[in-house]
C-alpha atoms as a PDB file:
ATOM      1  CA  MET A   1      81.009 121.042 105.356  1.00  0.00           C
ATOM      2  CA  GLU A   2      82.847 117.918 104.248  1.00  0.00           C
ATOM      3  CA  SER A   3      86.595 117.557 103.806  1.00  0.00           C
ATOM      4  CA  ILE A   4      88.580 115.155 101.603  1.00  0.00           C
ATOM      5  CA  LYS A   5      92.376 114.888 101.576  1.00  0.00           C
ATOM      6  CA  ILE A   6      94.080 113.421  98.506  1.00  0.00           C
ATOM      7  CA  LYS A   7      97.621 113.029  97.245  1.00  0.00           C
ATOM      8  CA  THR A   8      97.957 113.451  93.477  1.00  0.00           C
ATOM      9  CA  HIS A   9     100.322 114.564  90.736  1.00  0.00           C
ATOM     10  CA  ILE A  10      99.728 117.583  88.528  1.00  0.00           C
ATOM     11  CA  GLY A  11     101.428 117.350  85.153  1.00  0.00           C
ATOM     12  CA  GLU A  12     102.933 119.982  82.870  1.00  0.00           C
ATOM     13  CA  ASP A  13      99.463 121.169  81.833  1.00  0.00           C
ATOM     14  CA  GLY A  14      98.708 122.314  85.392  1.00  0.00           C
ATOM     15  CA  ILE A  15      95.287 120.671  85.414  1.00  0.00           C
ATOM     16  CA  LEU A  16      93.982 119.152  88.656  1.00  0.00           C
ATOM     17  CA  SER A  17      91.246 116.606  88.065  1.00  0.00           C
ATOM     18  CA  LEU A  18      89.052 115.475  90.966  1.00  0.00           C
ATOM     19  CA  ARG A  19      86.368 112.815  91.265  1.00  0.00           C
ATOM     20  CA  LEU A  20      84.123 113.409  94.259  1.00  0.00           C
ATOM     21  CA  PRO A  21      81.807 110.895  95.935  1.00  0.00           C
ATOM     22  CA  ILE A  22      78.737 113.118  95.428  1.00  0.00           C
ATOM     23  CA  THR A  23      76.245 113.425  92.588  1.00  0.00           C
ATOM     24  CA  ASN A  24      73.473 115.731  91.476  1.00  0.00           C
ATOM     25  CA  GLN A  25      74.284 118.562  93.918  1.00  0.00           C
ATOM     26  CA  GLU A  26      75.457 122.118  93.730  1.00  0.00           C
ATOM     27  CA  ILE A  27      78.582 122.615  95.805  1.00  0.00           C
ATOM     28  CA  GLU A  28      81.080 125.281  96.650  1.00  0.00           C
ATOM     29  CA  ALA A  29      84.638 123.985  96.536  1.00  0.00           C
ATOM     30  CA  MET A  30      87.874 125.426  97.893  1.00  0.00           C
ATOM     31  CA  VAL A  31      91.319 124.077  97.024  1.00  0.00           C
ATOM     32  CA  VAL A  32      94.197 124.415  99.472  1.00  0.00           C
ATOM     33  CA  TYR A  33      97.412 122.785  98.319  1.00  0.00           C
ATOM     34  CA  GLN A  34     100.787 121.994  99.803  1.00  0.00           C
ATOM     35  CA  PRO A  35     103.701 120.833  97.659  1.00  0.00           C
ATOM     36  CA  ILE A  36     105.212 117.520  98.747  1.00  0.00           C
ATOM     37  CA  ILE A  37     108.937 117.776  99.261  1.00  0.00           C
ATOM     38  CA  LYS A  38     110.505 114.424  98.557  1.00  0.00           C
ATOM     39  CA  GLN A  39     113.541 113.614 100.648  1.00  0.00           C
ATOM     40  CA  ASN A  40     116.145 111.300  99.324  1.00  0.00           C
ATOM     41  CA  TYR A  41     117.727 108.502 101.318  1.00  0.00           C
ATOM     42  CA  LEU A  42     120.830 110.524 102.222  1.00  0.00           C
ATOM     43  CA  ASP A  43     118.769 113.437 103.625  1.00  0.00           C
ATOM     44  CA  SER A  44     116.776 111.035 105.808  1.00  0.00           C
ATOM     45  CA  LYS A  45     119.921 109.258 106.985  1.00  0.00           C
ATOM     46  CA  LEU A  46     121.642 112.522 107.925  1.00  0.00           C
ATOM     47  CA  LYS A  47     118.583 113.748 109.837  1.00  0.00           C
ATOM     48  CA  PHE A  48     118.405 110.461 111.744  1.00  0.00           C
ATOM     49  CA  GLU A  49     122.115 110.649 112.603  1.00  0.00           C
ATOM     50  CA  ARG A  50     121.632 114.205 113.927  1.00  0.00           C
ATOM     51  CA  LEU A  51     118.755 112.965 116.079  1.00  0.00           C
ATOM     52  CA  LEU A  52     120.888 110.156 117.475  1.00  0.00           C
ATOM     53  CA  GLN A  53     123.623 112.615 118.439  1.00  0.00           C
ATOM     54  CA  GLN A  54     121.157 115.103 119.932  1.00  0.00           C
ATOM     55  CA  TYR A  55     119.487 112.511 122.175  1.00  0.00           C
ATOM     56  CA  LYS A  56     122.552 110.351 122.831  1.00  0.00           C
ATOM     57  CA  GLY A  57     122.337 108.619 126.201  1.00  0.00           C
ATOM     58  CA  GLN A  58     118.579 109.131 126.602  1.00  0.00           C
ATOM     59  CA  THR A  59     116.249 106.156 126.690  1.00  0.00           C
ATOM     60  CA  PHE A  60     113.032 106.214 124.688  1.00  0.00           C
ATOM     61  CA  THR A  61     110.378 103.519 124.969  1.00  0.00           C
ATOM     62  CA  ASN A  62     109.620 103.656 121.235  1.00  0.00           C
ATOM     63  CA  SER A  63     110.450 105.558 118.053  1.00  0.00           C
ATOM     64  CA  ALA A  64     107.252 107.650 118.272  1.00  0.00           C
ATOM     65  CA  GLU A  65     108.605 109.248 121.436  1.00  0.00           C
ATOM     66  CA  LEU A  66     111.833 110.230 119.634  1.00  0.00           C
ATOM     67  CA  LEU A  67     109.886 111.676 116.685  1.00  0.00           C
ATOM     68  CA  ARG A  68     107.663 113.643 119.059  1.00  0.00           C
ATOM     69  CA  GLU A  69     110.745 115.149 120.739  1.00  0.00           C
ATOM     70  CA  ASP A  70     112.170 116.072 117.315  1.00  0.00           C
ATOM     71  CA  ARG A  71     108.969 117.868 116.292  1.00  0.00           C
ATOM     72  CA  LEU A  72     108.872 119.828 119.546  1.00  0.00           C
ATOM     73  CA  SER A  73     112.450 121.041 119.067  1.00  0.00           C
ATOM     74  CA  GLU A  74     111.816 122.449 115.557  1.00  0.00           C
END
């Protein structure tokens, strides 16, 4: 089984169009979708400010460490 992940936009007509890197084969396809929730600048800024307050005084070696801590607390 092969897997391909794409990010695309579906218009008002509701039609999803896919081009696959295979030819001349019978396949069985399954579509699993997840809507993308776009955050605006203010939402991102507020979340970052909450993180700063939550971990105030702690030292992190890099931003990935802070993001990892945030994911674990959700």
